Amino acid sequence: MLKFEASMHLNNDHIETLVVYLAHDQDVGRTARYLHVHANTVRYRLHKCEEILETSLHAAATITNLYLAFQDDVLALQDHIAAAGIAGGPGR
């Protein structure tokens, strides 16, 4: 299956988790706090993303492609976090 086609099978929780994960510099703990879920929930969702996309989220090329695909959402979330002064935001 083409990776683009696979990405269409990601549900809203998967996409939200990926965007928040990328916006928090791939930090599972900060992602979990922002989403108000347990860190294991974030890990589970990320694992499901890996299964759907058929690639590892530990691969630099994968993270780069996902960041580029969701760049507008990631940057908007980082701006929101910075403006709101949310603890655990990027770089904190």
Protein backbone atom coordinates (compact mmCIF):
# COMPACT_ATOMS: atom_id res chain seq x y z
CA MET A 1 0.00 0.00 0.00
CA LEU A 2 1.28 3.44 -0.83
CA LYS A 3 2.19 5.48 2.22
CA PHE A 4 -0.11 8.31 1.12
CA GLU A 5 -3.02 5.89 0.84
CA ALA A 6 -2.15 4.44 4.23
CA SER A 7 -2.17 7.89 5.80
CA MET A 8 -5.79 8.27 4.72
CA HIS A 9 -6.64 5.45 7.15
CA LEU A 10 -5.42 7.42 10.15
CA ASN A 11 -8.33 8.49 12.31
CA ASN A 12 -8.63 11.87 14.05
CA ASP A 13 -7.01 10.58 17.27
CA HIS A 14 -4.01 9.32 15.29
CA ILE A 15 -3.59 12.60 13.44
CA GLU A 16 -4.07 14.73 16.54
CA THR A 17 -1.56 12.60 18.44
CA LEU A 18 0.99 12.84 15.62
CA VAL A 19 0.62 16.62 15.35
CA VAL A 20 0.92 17.16 19.10
CA TYR A 21 3.85 14.70 19.26
CA LEU A 22 5.67 16.61 16.52
CA ALA A 23 4.82 19.98 18.08
CA HIS A 24 6.29 18.76 21.39
CA ASP A 25 9.57 17.65 19.79
CA GLN A 26 8.60 13.95 19.93
CA ASP A 27 8.26 13.97 23.71
CA VAL A 28 5.69 11.35 24.77
CA GLY A 29 5.28 12.78 28.28
CA ARG A 30 4.54 16.33 27.14
CA THR A 31 2.27 14.98 24.39
CA ALA A 32 0.30 12.98 26.96
CA ARG A 33 -0.05 15.97 29.30
CA TYR A 34 -1.26 18.20 26.48
CA LEU A 35 -3.80 15.61 25.30
CA HIS A 36 -4.85 14.79 28.89
CA VAL A 37 -4.19 11.08 28.36
CA HIS A 38 -1.80 8.54 29.85
CA ALA A 39 1.64 8.28 28.23
CA ASN A 40 0.87 4.65 27.35
CA THR A 41 -2.14 5.86 25.36
CA VAL A 42 0.17 8.09 23.33
CA ARG A 43 2.59 5.19 22.81
CA TYR A 44 -0.28 2.94 21.70
CA ARG A 45 -1.57 5.52 19.22
CA LEU A 46 1.92 6.10 17.84
CA HIS A 47 2.40 2.34 17.48
CA LYS A 48 -0.90 2.13 15.56
CA CYS A 49 0.34 4.92 13.29
CA GLU A 50 3.50 2.92 12.63
CA GLU A 51 1.40 -0.12 11.72
CA ILE A 52 -0.86 1.86 9.40
CA LEU A 53 2.01 3.73 7.74
CA GLU A 54 4.19 0.60 7.68
CA THR A 55 7.22 2.54 8.92
CA SER A 56 8.98 3.41 12.17
CA LEU A 57 8.50 6.75 13.84
CA HIS A 58 12.12 6.43 14.95
CA ALA A 59 13.32 6.87 11.36
CA ALA A 60 14.44 10.40 10.56
CA ALA A 61 12.94 10.24 7.07
CA THR A 62 9.53 9.29 8.48
CA ILE A 63 9.53 12.13 11.02
CA THR A 64 10.68 14.56 8.33
CA ASN A 65 7.90 13.49 5.96
CA LEU A 66 5.25 13.65 8.69
CA TYR A 67 6.47 17.06 9.82
CA LEU A 68 6.29 18.37 6.27
CA ALA A 69 2.85 16.81 5.75
CA PHE A 70 1.47 18.39 8.93
CA GLN A 71 3.73 21.45 9.09
CA ASP A 72 0.92 24.02 9.11
CA ASP A 73 -0.85 22.22 11.96
CA VAL A 74 2.36 21.70 13.94
CA LEU A 75 3.43 25.34 13.64
CA ALA A 76 -0.05 26.60 14.51
CA LEU A 77 -0.11 24.39 17.60
CA GLN A 78 3.37 25.55 18.65
CA ASP A 79 2.25 29.18 18.28
CA HIS A 80 -0.89 28.46 20.32
CA ILE A 81 1.13 26.77 23.06
CA ALA A 82 3.63 29.63 23.19
CA ALA A 83 0.93 32.31 23.21
CA ALA A 84 -1.06 30.55 25.93
CA GLY A 85 2.05 29.89 28.00
CA ILE A 86 1.05 26.26 28.34
CA ALA A 87 3.44 24.34 30.57
CA GLY A 88 5.23 21.58 28.76
CA GLY A 89 5.16 23.45 25.48
CA PRO A 90 7.89 23.10 22.89
CA GLY A 91 11.33 23.66 24.31
CA ARG A 92 10.09 23.59 27.90
